[in-house]
Amino acid sequence: MTLRLPTRLELLAFICGFTLMTYELAAARVLAPTVGSSTYVWTSVIGVIIAALSLGFYLGGQIADARNTRTDVAWLLLLVAGLIALTTVLYPYTLPWIANWGVDVRLQAVGAAILLFTPTSFALGMISPYLAKLNVTSLKTSGTAVAKLSMWDALGGISGTFLTGFFLFGYIGSRAIFVVLVVIVLLSIALLGVRLGARQWGIAGVSLLVVVATPAYSQALDIDTPSAHYTIFEWEGVKGLYRGLSTGPSGIQSGVALDDPYTPVFWYTEELYDLVGQTKHRERILILGGGTFTLPQQLALAHPDSQIDVVEIDPGLMKIAREHFYYEDHDNVDVIFEDARTFVNRTTTRYDIVIVDAYGDADIPFTFMTQEYGKELQEVTKSEGLVMVNFIAAREDGCEVYLSALEAPYRANFSQRLLKHNATTGQEKRMPHNIIAIYSHQEVMFEGYEQPQVATISPYTDDFVPAERLRQKCI
């Protein structure tokens, strides 16, 4: 088979595939700060976009059979560019409004996807049958002509997926990605070889002006990395000004007091800090989930003789920690950028203390809810060691089963267990809140910790964990 460069129509198919997948990834990313980034959100975005594409395919095919002109494709590309520009302008204002609907997160995610991303996806879907109609010159070669377009469309989608996920998110934000897509789509019109009229030039100019000239609306600093979208913001507290980092709408993942960045500011970090100080053996400490490395830094300063290994999946957080959260390198801290579960699976080091705080927004990875994880964690914990876990759940109503599922891997592999809730009133105990749990093979006692009775269920497995369903009952 002789290799050749793609034809103009094939290159257009490549650009459409690239645009679709890049747009889809950026669309899911912009939902994170207000709606969330759970499996429900990704499912909603993917499902709505595919539904809009299918309608676009159908209507585009009908119109292409009736008209079959390159000028129509130019108009569709202009429409796509204009709709992406409109998305760029509207999402900062639309998403906070949707987040205040007070309905299930699934309905919020579907509603957001329909309002913001359906029009662009529909218009992109209409282009494919037009390109197929234009590319078919003979019934004898129609199959090959359509197949080549499909291949180049798929290659464009693959390129957009890897380029956006592996590189673009690490250097530019979601809004900038939308701007790039508008420019690419407008430039692609030249491949059609048609002359644009005054109205078409006007639409192109307005689309470009909208995305370039419209200022980004945000009351906080938004930072994208290949792994996640982060929002950094400040607030006034009882002890002065604080700075926090969030990955979604449900809470703050890390924070510092600007006047005293080396002291824990949240209840659960204070508890973990104090528990380590009360523990006799703390030569080797493992922390699963680094965040902005506030707790590792505070422990490193308080216990200079301890070796602290921190496992964090996102390398981009180190720059954020240094620039915004006063993190400095410490000789007794080793930061390992890796998925925490895979690190637990492979490491041969055994630790005196293991601290588990691996939340993203209010969700813990489902891989931390399985019996396989519990067995591996037991292997990396010394026989007299302690495991300290930060949970977000409750022990009443629907949260009781969720808390039991979160605890199950630890209960099954450690004989001793203590819990302490950051809740005092009956209403607080029914609402999700921070819970610190301690597990060990040795009998231990810490002030304020108890051995409560909760609904006990067996650990799930890596093959099946209904994490989203269980957490949904605990909201």
Protein backbone atom coordinates (compact mmCIF):
# COMPACT_ATOMS: atom_id res chain seq x y z
CA MET A 1 0.00 0.00 0.00
CA THR A 2 1.39 3.37 -1.02
CA LEU A 3 1.39 6.03 1.67
CA ARG A 4 0.02 9.43 0.68
CA LEU A 5 -0.99 12.67 2.30
CA PRO A 6 -4.68 13.07 3.13
CA THR A 7 -6.91 14.86 0.68
CA ARG A 8 -8.53 18.12 1.70
CA LEU A 9 -11.76 16.41 2.68
CA GLU A 10 -9.87 13.78 4.67
CA LEU A 11 -7.95 16.52 6.46
CA LEU A 12 -11.25 18.20 7.26
CA ALA A 13 -12.51 14.91 8.72
CA PHE A 14 -9.33 14.75 10.83
CA ILE A 15 -9.94 18.28 12.14
CA CYS A 16 -13.56 17.50 12.97
CA GLY A 17 -12.53 14.42 14.94
CA PHE A 18 -9.80 16.40 16.71
CA THR A 19 -12.21 19.21 17.54
CA LEU A 20 -14.88 16.87 18.89
CA MET A 21 -12.66 14.96 21.32
CA THR A 22 -10.77 18.05 22.49
CA TYR A 23 -14.08 19.85 23.02
CA GLU A 24 -15.48 16.88 24.95
CA LEU A 25 -12.52 16.70 27.32
CA ALA A 26 -12.55 20.45 27.92
CA ALA A 27 -16.33 20.35 28.43
CA ALA A 28 -16.03 17.77 31.20
CA ARG A 29 -13.20 19.78 32.77
CA VAL A 30 -15.19 23.04 33.00
CA LEU A 31 -17.96 21.26 34.93
CA ALA A 32 -15.59 20.21 37.73
CA PRO A 33 -15.58 23.35 39.91
CA THR A 34 -19.38 23.68 40.12
CA VAL A 35 -20.97 20.34 39.21
CA GLY A 36 -18.12 17.93 39.98
CA SER A 37 -15.90 15.46 38.18
CA SER A 38 -17.37 12.14 39.24
CA THR A 39 -18.22 9.23 36.96
CA TYR A 40 -21.77 10.63 36.80
CA VAL A 41 -20.49 13.88 35.31
CA TRP A 42 -18.32 12.16 32.68
CA THR A 43 -21.22 9.83 31.82
CA SER A 44 -23.54 12.80 31.34
CA VAL A 45 -21.14 14.71 29.10
CA ILE A 46 -20.31 11.69 26.93
CA GLY A 47 -23.93 10.55 26.68
CA VAL A 48 -25.34 13.97 25.77
CA ILE A 49 -22.62 14.68 23.21
CA ILE A 50 -23.12 11.29 21.51
CA ALA A 51 -26.88 11.86 21.42
CA ALA A 52 -26.38 15.30 19.84
CA LEU A 53 -23.93 13.83 17.32
CA SER A 54 -26.38 11.14 16.28
CA LEU A 55 -29.06 13.74 15.60
CA GLY A 56 -26.53 15.78 13.66
CA PHE A 57 -25.55 12.74 11.60
CA TYR A 58 -29.18 12.10 10.69
CA LEU A 59 -30.14 15.66 9.78
CA GLY A 60 -26.83 16.32 8.04
CA GLY A 61 -27.33 13.27 5.85
CA GLN A 62 -30.82 14.39 4.88
CA ILE A 63 -29.65 17.86 3.90
CA ALA A 64 -26.50 16.61 2.16
CA ASP A 65 -28.59 14.37 -0.09
CA ALA A 66 -30.72 17.35 -1.07
CA ARG A 67 -27.95 19.97 -1.51
CA ASN A 68 -24.39 18.54 -1.55
CA THR A 69 -22.43 21.81 -1.75
CA ARG A 70 -19.10 22.82 -0.25
CA THR A 71 -20.55 26.18 0.73
CA ASP A 72 -22.89 24.41 3.16
CA VAL A 73 -19.88 22.81 4.86
CA ALA A 74 -18.30 26.25 5.18
CA TRP A 75 -21.46 27.50 6.87
CA LEU A 76 -21.46 24.52 9.23
CA LEU A 77 -17.83 25.12 10.18
CA LEU A 78 -18.64 28.77 10.86
CA LEU A 79 -21.55 27.62 13.01
CA VAL A 80 -19.29 25.27 14.97
CA ALA A 81 -16.78 28.07 15.59
CA GLY A 82 -19.54 30.42 16.69
CA LEU A 83 -21.07 27.85 19.05
CA ILE A 84 -17.70 27.05 20.66
CA ALA A 85 -17.23 30.79 21.15
CA LEU A 86 -20.69 30.94 22.73
CA THR A 87 -19.79 28.08 25.07
CA THR A 88 -16.67 29.97 26.13
CA VAL A 89 -18.72 33.04 27.03
CA LEU A 90 -21.65 31.31 28.72
CA TYR A 91 -20.22 28.52 30.87
CA PRO A 92 -18.77 30.72 33.67
CA TYR A 93 -22.24 32.19 34.23
CA THR A 94 -24.44 29.20 33.43
CA LEU A 95 -22.72 26.58 35.60
CA PRO A 96 -23.09 28.38 38.97
CA TRP A 97 -26.78 28.83 38.19
CA ILE A 98 -27.15 25.10 37.42
CA ALA A 99 -25.25 24.16 40.59
CA ASN A 100 -27.91 26.03 42.59
CA TRP A 101 -30.79 23.99 41.20
CA GLY A 102 -30.72 21.83 44.32
CA VAL A 103 -31.27 18.59 42.38
CA ASP A 104 -29.39 15.33 42.01
CA VAL A 105 -25.88 15.80 40.56
CA ARG A 106 -26.83 13.55 37.64
CA LEU A 107 -29.60 15.95 36.65
CA GLN A 108 -27.25 18.90 37.07
CA ALA A 109 -24.64 17.27 34.84
CA VAL A 110 -27.15 16.28 32.15
CA GLY A 111 -28.76 19.73 32.25
CA ALA A 112 -25.39 21.47 31.95
CA ALA A 113 -24.32 19.24 29.06
CA ILE A 114 -27.60 19.80 27.19
CA LEU A 115 -27.53 23.58 27.59
CA LEU A 116 -23.85 24.13 26.88
CA PHE A 117 -22.53 21.32 24.71
CA THR A 118 -25.45 19.97 22.65
CA PRO A 119 -25.49 22.73 19.97
CA THR A 120 -21.79 22.42 19.09
CA SER A 121 -21.90 18.62 19.05
CA PHE A 122 -25.01 18.66 16.87
CA ALA A 123 -23.35 21.00 14.35
CA LEU A 124 -20.19 18.87 14.27
CA GLY A 125 -22.32 15.79 13.63
CA MET A 126 -23.92 17.42 10.58
CA ILE A 127 -20.54 17.89 8.89
CA SER A 128 -19.63 14.18 8.62
CA PRO A 129 -22.36 13.09 6.17
CA TYR A 130 -21.68 16.19 4.08
CA LEU A 131 -18.02 15.23 3.78
CA ALA A 132 -18.98 11.66 2.89
CA LYS A 133 -21.33 12.86 0.15
CA LEU A 134 -18.66 15.11 -1.29
CA ASN A 135 -16.00 12.39 -1.14
CA VAL A 136 -18.01 9.75 -2.99
CA THR A 137 -17.41 10.06 -6.74
CA SER A 138 -18.42 6.55 -7.79
CA LEU A 139 -20.69 3.84 -6.41
CA LYS A 140 -17.91 1.30 -7.01
CA THR A 141 -15.60 3.12 -4.60
CA SER A 142 -18.20 4.56 -2.19
CA GLY A 143 -17.27 2.16 0.59
CA THR A 144 -13.59 3.06 0.37
CA ALA A 145 -14.35 6.78 0.14
CA VAL A 146 -16.48 6.74 3.31
CA ALA A 147 -14.07 4.43 5.14
CA LYS A 148 -11.13 6.76 4.52
CA LEU A 149 -13.06 9.70 5.92
CA SER A 150 -14.03 7.64 8.97
CA MET A 151 -10.40 6.61 9.45
CA TRP A 152 -9.15 10.20 9.34
CA ASP A 153 -11.96 11.31 11.65
CA ALA A 154 -10.94 8.62 14.14
CA LEU A 155 -7.26 9.56 13.84
CA GLY A 156 -8.21 13.16 14.57
CA GLY A 157 -10.17 12.05 17.62
CA ILE A 158 -7.23 9.99 18.87
CA SER A 159 -4.85 12.92 18.34
CA GLY A 160 -7.18 15.32 20.14
CA THR A 161 -7.60 12.94 23.07
CA PHE A 162 -3.90 12.35 23.68
CA LEU A 163 -2.74 15.89 22.88
CA THR A 164 -5.35 17.45 25.18
CA GLY A 165 -5.11 14.95 28.02
CA PHE A 166 -1.34 14.56 28.03
CA PHE A 167 -0.16 18.06 27.06
CA LEU A 168 -2.67 20.88 26.59
CA PHE A 169 -4.19 20.63 30.07
CA GLY A 170 -0.68 20.89 31.46
CA TYR A 171 0.02 24.23 29.76
CA ILE A 172 -3.24 26.05 29.08
CA GLY A 173 -6.67 26.18 30.68
CA SER A 174 -10.02 24.98 29.36
CA ARG A 175 -11.02 28.43 28.15
CA ALA A 176 -7.79 28.75 26.17
CA ILE A 177 -8.45 25.34 24.62
CA PHE A 178 -11.85 26.57 23.40
CA VAL A 179 -10.10 29.59 21.85
CA VAL A 180 -7.63 27.31 20.07
CA LEU A 181 -10.50 25.21 18.70
CA VAL A 182 -12.29 28.28 17.32
CA VAL A 183 -9.12 29.31 15.48
CA ILE A 184 -8.52 25.79 14.10
CA VAL A 185 -12.10 25.45 12.85
CA LEU A 186 -12.05 28.86 11.17
CA LEU A 187 -8.74 28.11 9.45
CA SER A 188 -10.05 24.75 8.23
CA ILE A 189 -12.60 26.49 6.02
CA ALA A 190 -9.76 27.29 3.62
CA LEU A 191 -9.53 23.57 2.80
CA LEU A 192 -12.91 23.74 1.07
CA GLY A 193 -11.65 26.10 -1.63
CA VAL A 194 -14.78 28.28 -1.49
CA ARG A 195 -14.91 32.06 -1.41
CA LEU A 196 -16.47 33.51 1.69
CA GLY A 197 -19.05 36.27 1.39
CA ALA A 198 -19.35 39.33 3.62
CA ARG A 199 -21.74 37.60 6.03
CA GLN A 200 -19.44 34.60 6.41
CA TRP A 201 -16.41 36.79 7.05
CA GLY A 202 -18.51 38.68 9.58
CA ILE A 203 -19.44 35.53 11.48
CA ALA A 204 -15.81 34.38 11.48
CA GLY A 205 -14.64 37.73 12.78
CA VAL A 206 -17.28 37.90 15.51
CA SER A 207 -16.50 34.36 16.68
CA LEU A 208 -12.80 35.12 16.91
CA LEU A 209 -13.41 38.46 18.61
CA VAL A 210 -15.75 36.92 21.18
CA VAL A 211 -13.30 34.28 22.43
CA VAL A 212 -10.25 36.54 22.33
CA ALA A 213 -11.72 39.77 23.71
CA THR A 214 -14.15 38.42 26.31
CA PRO A 215 -12.38 38.45 29.68
CA ALA A 216 -12.34 35.25 31.69
CA TYR A 217 -14.85 35.52 34.53
CA SER A 218 -13.68 34.07 37.81
CA GLN A 219 -13.65 35.06 41.45
CA ALA A 220 -10.71 32.71 42.01
CA LEU A 221 -7.61 31.40 40.34
CA ASP A 222 -8.30 28.42 38.08
CA ILE A 223 -5.44 26.09 37.20
CA ASP A 224 -5.57 23.06 34.90
CA THR A 225 -3.11 20.17 35.05
CA PRO A 226 -3.20 16.93 33.03
CA SER A 227 -4.92 15.25 35.99
CA ALA A 228 -7.47 17.76 37.26
CA HIS A 229 -8.91 21.24 37.41
CA TYR A 230 -8.08 23.23 40.54
CA THR A 231 -9.57 26.38 42.00
CA ILE A 232 -7.52 28.47 44.43
CA PHE A 233 -9.37 31.04 46.51
CA GLU A 234 -9.12 32.97 49.75
CA TRP A 235 -11.58 33.57 52.56
CA GLU A 236 -11.76 35.36 55.88
CA GLY A 237 -11.87 33.08 58.92
CA VAL A 238 -11.91 33.46 62.67
CA LYS A 239 -8.12 33.55 62.79
CA GLY A 240 -7.48 35.72 59.75
CA LEU A 241 -7.13 35.14 56.01
CA TYR A 242 -6.98 31.61 54.60
CA ARG A 243 -6.13 30.21 51.18
CA GLY A 244 -7.65 26.99 49.92
CA LEU A 245 -7.60 24.61 46.96
CA SER A 246 -10.65 22.80 45.63
CA THR A 247 -11.18 20.22 42.90
CA GLY A 248 -14.96 20.46 42.92
CA PRO A 249 -18.05 21.94 44.55
CA SER A 250 -18.15 19.77 47.67
CA GLY A 251 -15.31 21.09 49.78
CA ILE A 252 -11.73 22.26 50.21
CA GLN A 253 -8.98 19.73 49.65
CA SER A 254 -6.06 21.75 51.06
CA GLY A 255 -5.64 25.03 52.88
CA VAL A 256 -3.26 27.27 54.80
CA ALA A 257 -3.54 30.24 57.10
CA LEU A 258 -1.64 33.04 55.37
CA ASP A 259 -0.31 34.33 58.69
CA ASP A 260 0.78 30.87 59.86
CA PRO A 261 1.14 28.40 56.96
CA TYR A 262 2.89 25.76 59.07
CA THR A 263 -0.05 25.05 61.40
CA PRO A 264 -2.99 22.77 60.40
CA VAL A 265 -6.16 24.71 59.65
CA PHE A 266 -8.80 21.97 59.28
CA TRP A 267 -10.19 19.68 61.95
CA TYR A 268 -9.08 16.50 60.22
CA THR A 269 -5.53 17.74 59.56
CA GLU A 270 -5.25 18.84 63.19
CA GLU A 271 -6.36 15.37 64.28
CA LEU A 272 -3.89 13.58 62.02
CA TYR A 273 -1.09 15.91 63.09
CA ASP A 274 -1.86 15.31 66.79
CA LEU A 275 -2.21 11.54 66.33
CA VAL A 276 1.24 11.29 64.74
CA GLY A 277 2.65 13.29 67.66
CA GLN A 278 1.06 10.87 70.14
CA THR A 279 2.36 7.77 68.36
CA LYS A 280 5.50 6.19 69.80
CA HIS A 281 6.89 4.70 66.58
CA ARG A 282 6.98 7.12 63.66
CA GLU A 283 10.32 6.49 61.98
CA ARG A 284 8.69 5.75 58.58
CA ILE A 285 5.47 7.53 57.62
CA LEU A 286 3.52 7.01 54.39
CA ILE A 287 0.92 9.56 53.27
CA LEU A 288 -1.41 8.54 50.44
CA GLY A 289 -2.70 11.73 48.86
CA GLY A 290 -0.47 14.78 48.99
CA GLY A 291 -2.76 17.65 48.01
CA THR A 292 -0.66 20.79 48.36
CA PHE A 293 1.63 18.98 50.81
CA THR A 294 0.59 21.08 53.82
CA LEU A 295 0.32 18.13 56.22
CA PRO A 296 3.60 16.49 55.06
CA GLN A 297 5.39 19.80 55.56
CA GLN A 298 3.90 20.32 59.01
CA LEU A 299 4.85 16.78 60.06
CA ALA A 300 8.34 17.15 58.58
CA LEU A 301 8.98 20.27 60.65
CA ALA A 302 7.53 18.75 63.84
CA HIS A 303 9.32 15.39 63.48
CA PRO A 304 12.66 15.92 61.70
CA ASP A 305 13.79 12.37 62.57
CA SER A 306 10.86 10.81 60.71
CA GLN A 307 11.15 9.78 57.05
CA ILE A 308 7.94 10.79 55.28
CA ASP A 309 6.98 9.32 51.89
CA VAL A 310 4.15 11.15 50.15
CA VAL A 311 2.34 9.58 47.19
CA GLU A 312 0.45 12.02 44.97
CA ILE A 313 -0.90 11.24 41.52
CA ASP A 314 -0.62 14.75 40.07
CA PRO A 315 2.90 16.20 39.54
CA GLY A 316 1.31 19.56 38.74
CA LEU A 317 0.41 20.02 42.40
CA MET A 318 4.03 20.56 43.39
CA LYS A 319 4.24 23.83 41.47
CA ILE A 320 0.89 24.91 42.92
CA ALA A 321 2.07 24.02 46.43
CA ARG A 322 5.28 26.00 46.09
CA GLU A 323 3.73 29.07 44.48
CA HIS A 324 0.53 29.35 46.51
CA PHE A 325 0.78 27.23 49.69
CA TYR A 326 4.28 27.99 51.03
CA TYR A 327 5.65 24.50 50.45
CA GLU A 328 9.43 24.07 50.72
CA ASP A 329 11.56 21.00 50.11
CA HIS A 330 12.55 19.00 53.19
CA ASP A 331 15.33 16.44 53.55
CA ASN A 332 13.01 14.01 55.36
CA VAL A 333 10.20 14.20 52.77
CA ASP A 334 10.22 12.10 49.61
CA VAL A 335 7.42 12.94 47.17
CA ILE A 336 6.45 10.10 44.82
CA PHE A 337 4.24 11.03 41.88
CA GLU A 338 2.25 7.89 41.27
CA ASP A 339 -1.24 6.50 41.71
CA ALA A 340 -1.49 5.66 45.42
CA ARG A 341 -3.04 2.26 44.83
CA THR A 342 -0.33 1.14 42.41
CA PHE A 343 2.33 2.35 44.86
CA VAL A 344 0.79 0.28 47.64
CA ASN A 345 0.74 -2.72 45.31
CA ARG A 346 4.40 -2.51 44.39
CA THR A 347 6.31 -1.06 47.35
CA THR A 348 8.33 -3.35 49.62
CA THR A 349 8.85 -0.69 52.31
CA ARG A 350 6.98 -1.17 55.57
CA TYR A 351 5.75 1.80 57.54
CA ASP A 352 5.08 2.68 61.17
CA ILE A 353 2.25 5.01 60.19
CA VAL A 354 0.14 5.10 57.03
CA ILE A 355 -2.09 8.16 56.53
CA VAL A 356 -4.81 7.84 53.88
CA ASP A 357 -6.31 11.11 52.63
CA ALA A 358 -6.85 10.52 48.92
CA TYR A 359 -10.01 12.48 48.26
CA GLY A 360 -10.76 14.32 45.04
CA ASP A 361 -13.57 16.71 45.86
CA ALA A 362 -15.77 14.49 48.08
CA ASP A 363 -14.99 11.24 46.28
CA ILE A 364 -12.42 8.64 47.25
CA PRO A 365 -11.07 6.40 44.46
CA PHE A 366 -13.10 3.21 44.23
CA THR A 367 -9.83 1.26 44.28
CA PHE A 368 -9.55 2.21 47.98
CA MET A 369 -12.77 0.32 48.74
CA THR A 370 -11.71 -3.22 47.83
CA GLN A 371 -10.43 -6.26 49.66
CA GLU A 372 -7.37 -6.40 47.40
CA TYR A 373 -6.39 -2.89 48.51
CA GLY A 374 -6.89 -3.78 52.16
CA LYS A 375 -4.59 -6.79 51.89
CA GLU A 376 -1.88 -4.81 50.13
CA LEU A 377 -2.11 -2.02 52.69
CA GLN A 378 -1.73 -4.52 55.50
CA GLU A 379 1.48 -5.75 53.86
CA VAL A 380 3.07 -2.28 53.87
CA THR A 381 2.10 -1.59 57.50
CA LYS A 382 4.36 -2.89 60.26
CA SER A 383 2.81 -5.38 62.68
CA GLU A 384 2.77 -2.73 65.42
CA GLY A 385 1.97 0.10 62.97
CA LEU A 386 -1.09 2.31 62.63
CA VAL A 387 -3.27 3.24 59.67
CA MET A 388 -5.04 6.61 59.95
CA VAL A 389 -7.79 7.40 57.46
CA ASN A 390 -9.80 10.52 56.70
CA PHE A 391 -13.34 9.59 55.63
CA ILE A 392 -16.18 11.87 54.52
CA ALA A 393 -19.41 10.14 55.49
CA ALA A 394 -21.81 9.77 58.44
CA ARG A 395 -23.13 6.96 60.61
CA GLU A 396 -26.85 7.56 60.23
CA ASP A 397 -29.46 7.30 57.50
CA GLY A 398 -28.09 6.43 54.03
CA CYS A 399 -24.53 7.32 54.99
CA GLU A 400 -24.25 4.37 57.36
CA VAL A 401 -23.88 1.84 54.53
CA TYR A 402 -21.45 4.11 52.68
CA LEU A 403 -19.27 4.49 55.78
CA SER A 404 -19.32 0.74 56.26
CA ALA A 405 -18.21 0.23 52.65
CA LEU A 406 -15.38 2.74 53.06
CA GLU A 407 -14.25 1.00 56.23
CA ALA A 408 -14.62 -2.57 54.98
CA PRO A 409 -11.08 -3.06 53.54
CA TYR A 410 -9.54 -1.86 56.80
CA ARG A 411 -11.89 -3.78 59.11
CA ALA A 412 -11.19 -6.98 57.20
CA ASN A 413 -7.41 -6.67 57.59
CA PHE A 414 -6.85 -4.97 60.96
CA SER A 415 -8.20 -6.28 64.25
CA GLN A 416 -8.40 -2.95 66.09
CA ARG A 417 -10.45 0.07 65.05
CA LEU A 418 -11.22 3.50 66.50
CA LEU A 419 -13.32 6.35 65.09
CA LYS A 420 -13.82 10.03 65.87
CA HIS A 421 -16.44 12.23 64.20
CA ASN A 422 -16.26 15.93 63.51
CA ALA A 423 -19.91 16.24 64.46
CA THR A 424 -21.71 16.88 67.73
CA THR A 425 -25.39 17.54 67.11
CA GLY A 426 -27.86 15.01 65.77
CA GLN A 427 -28.27 16.90 62.50
CA GLU A 428 -24.50 17.06 61.95
CA LYS A 429 -24.19 13.33 62.54
CA ARG A 430 -26.67 12.67 59.75
CA MET A 431 -24.85 14.89 57.25
CA PRO A 432 -21.55 13.90 55.59
CA HIS A 433 -18.61 15.13 57.64
CA ASN A 434 -14.98 14.29 58.30
CA ILE A 435 -14.34 11.11 60.28
CA ILE A 436 -10.89 10.02 61.40
CA ALA A 437 -10.45 6.26 61.72
CA ILE A 438 -7.49 4.39 63.21
CA TYR A 439 -6.70 0.75 62.41
CA SER A 440 -4.02 -1.52 63.82
CA HIS A 441 -3.20 -5.05 64.99
CA GLN A 442 -2.32 -3.78 68.44
CA GLU A 443 -4.75 -2.42 70.99
CA VAL A 444 -4.44 1.38 71.03
CA MET A 445 -6.20 4.19 72.85
CA PHE A 446 -6.50 7.85 71.90
CA GLU A 447 -8.58 10.44 73.70
CA GLY A 448 -11.95 11.06 72.08
CA TYR A 449 -11.83 7.93 69.92
CA GLU A 450 -14.31 5.09 70.31
CA GLN A 451 -15.24 1.70 68.88
CA PRO A 452 -18.75 2.33 67.55
CA GLN A 453 -21.04 -0.23 65.99
CA VAL A 454 -21.81 0.43 62.34
CA ALA A 455 -23.47 -1.66 59.68
CA THR A 456 -20.84 -4.14 58.56
CA ILE A 457 -20.57 -5.33 55.00
CA SER A 458 -17.84 -7.33 53.32
CA PRO A 459 -15.26 -5.48 51.22
CA TYR A 460 -15.99 -5.14 47.55
CA THR A 461 -13.51 -6.34 44.95
CA ASP A 462 -11.52 -4.63 42.21
CA ASP A 463 -14.04 -6.13 39.79
CA PHE A 464 -17.10 -4.47 41.36
CA VAL A 465 -17.45 -1.40 43.58
CA PRO A 466 -20.73 0.58 43.44
CA ALA A 467 -18.96 3.64 44.81
CA GLU A 468 -21.07 6.28 43.06
CA ARG A 469 -24.37 4.61 44.00
CA LEU A 470 -23.38 4.29 47.65
CA ARG A 471 -22.13 7.85 47.90
CA GLN A 472 -25.26 9.18 46.18
CA LYS A 473 -27.30 7.85 49.11
CA CYS A 474 -25.09 9.82 51.47
CA ILE A 475 -25.64 13.30 50.01
